[in-house]
Amino acid sequence: MESTFTFTAVFEKTEGWYVGFVEELPGANTQGKTLEETRENLRDAVELILISNRELTERDLVGKNVIREEISVDI
């Protein structure tokens, strides 16, 4: 099941590096020598965090009687 999510990325140029993070996802941060490299690194970080969170949740829910559904939030 593949989904597309949209997040807000924030980038800051520091001494020779770009640092990036996602406002809505604590822990999703990275750096790179160029802005494009930092963008790609951040996409990878977000993907890994979401996949890992999904796998950990699925493992923790094995054998439990749960309801799983998608929700939408407009901000």
Protein backbone atom coordinates (compact mmCIF):
# COMPACT_ATOMS: atom_id res chain seq x y z
CA MET A 1 0.00 0.00 0.00
CA GLU A 2 1.67 3.18 -1.17
CA SER A 3 0.51 6.61 -0.03
CA THR A 4 1.63 10.15 -0.72
CA PHE A 5 2.06 12.53 2.18
CA THR A 6 2.89 16.23 2.11
CA PHE A 7 5.05 17.77 4.82
CA THR A 8 6.69 21.13 5.44
CA ALA A 9 10.47 21.05 5.06
CA VAL A 10 12.63 23.78 6.58
CA PHE A 11 16.19 24.32 5.32
CA GLU A 12 18.94 26.45 6.81
CA LYS A 13 22.33 27.18 5.26
CA THR A 14 25.14 26.97 7.77
CA GLU A 15 28.91 26.98 7.32
CA GLY A 16 29.30 24.86 4.20
CA TRP A 17 26.22 22.73 4.88
CA TYR A 18 22.48 22.80 4.55
CA VAL A 19 20.46 21.47 7.47
CA GLY A 20 16.86 20.36 6.93
CA PHE A 21 14.01 19.13 9.06
CA VAL A 22 10.29 18.41 8.77
CA GLU A 23 8.06 20.55 11.00
CA GLU A 24 5.36 17.91 11.39
CA LEU A 25 7.60 14.90 12.07
CA PRO A 26 9.95 15.11 15.07
CA GLY A 27 13.21 13.31 14.38
CA ALA A 28 13.10 13.85 10.62
CA ASN A 29 16.22 15.91 10.09
CA THR A 30 19.35 15.72 7.97
CA GLN A 31 22.11 17.68 6.33
CA GLY A 32 23.87 17.89 2.99
CA LYS A 33 26.47 19.84 1.05
CA THR A 34 23.84 21.17 -1.39
CA LEU A 35 20.19 22.05 -1.03
CA GLU A 36 19.21 19.26 -3.45
CA GLU A 37 21.27 16.69 -1.54
CA THR A 38 19.62 17.81 1.69
CA ARG A 39 16.15 17.54 0.12
CA GLU A 40 16.85 13.99 -1.04
CA ASN A 41 18.33 13.04 2.34
CA LEU A 42 15.24 14.45 4.05
CA ARG A 43 12.88 12.50 1.78
CA ASP A 44 14.83 9.34 2.62
CA ALA A 45 14.72 10.10 6.35
CA VAL A 46 10.95 10.69 6.30
CA GLU A 47 10.36 7.50 4.33
CA LEU A 48 12.46 5.44 6.74
CA ILE A 49 10.74 6.94 9.80
CA LEU A 50 7.25 6.27 8.43
CA ILE A 51 8.09 2.72 7.34
CA SER A 52 9.74 1.97 10.68
CA ASN A 53 6.81 3.40 12.66
CA ARG A 54 4.35 1.35 10.60
CA GLU A 55 6.35 -1.88 11.08
CA LEU A 56 6.74 -1.32 14.83
CA THR A 57 3.02 -0.62 15.20
CA GLU A 58 2.04 -3.67 13.16
CA ARG A 59 4.31 -5.84 15.30
CA ASP A 60 2.87 -4.42 18.53
CA LEU A 61 -0.71 -5.01 17.35
CA VAL A 62 -0.33 -8.70 16.46
CA GLY A 63 -3.09 -10.68 18.15
CA LYS A 64 -4.98 -7.59 19.30
CA ASN A 65 -8.54 -6.75 18.28
CA VAL A 66 -8.06 -3.33 16.69
CA ILE A 67 -9.74 -1.20 14.05
CA ARG A 68 -7.40 0.40 11.56
CA GLU A 69 -8.65 3.15 9.26
CA GLU A 70 -7.42 6.23 7.45
CA ILE A 71 -8.37 9.67 8.70
CA SER A 72 -8.11 13.06 7.01
CA VAL A 73 -7.29 16.29 8.75
CA ASP A 74 -7.61 19.75 7.22
CA ILE A 75 -5.42 22.41 8.78
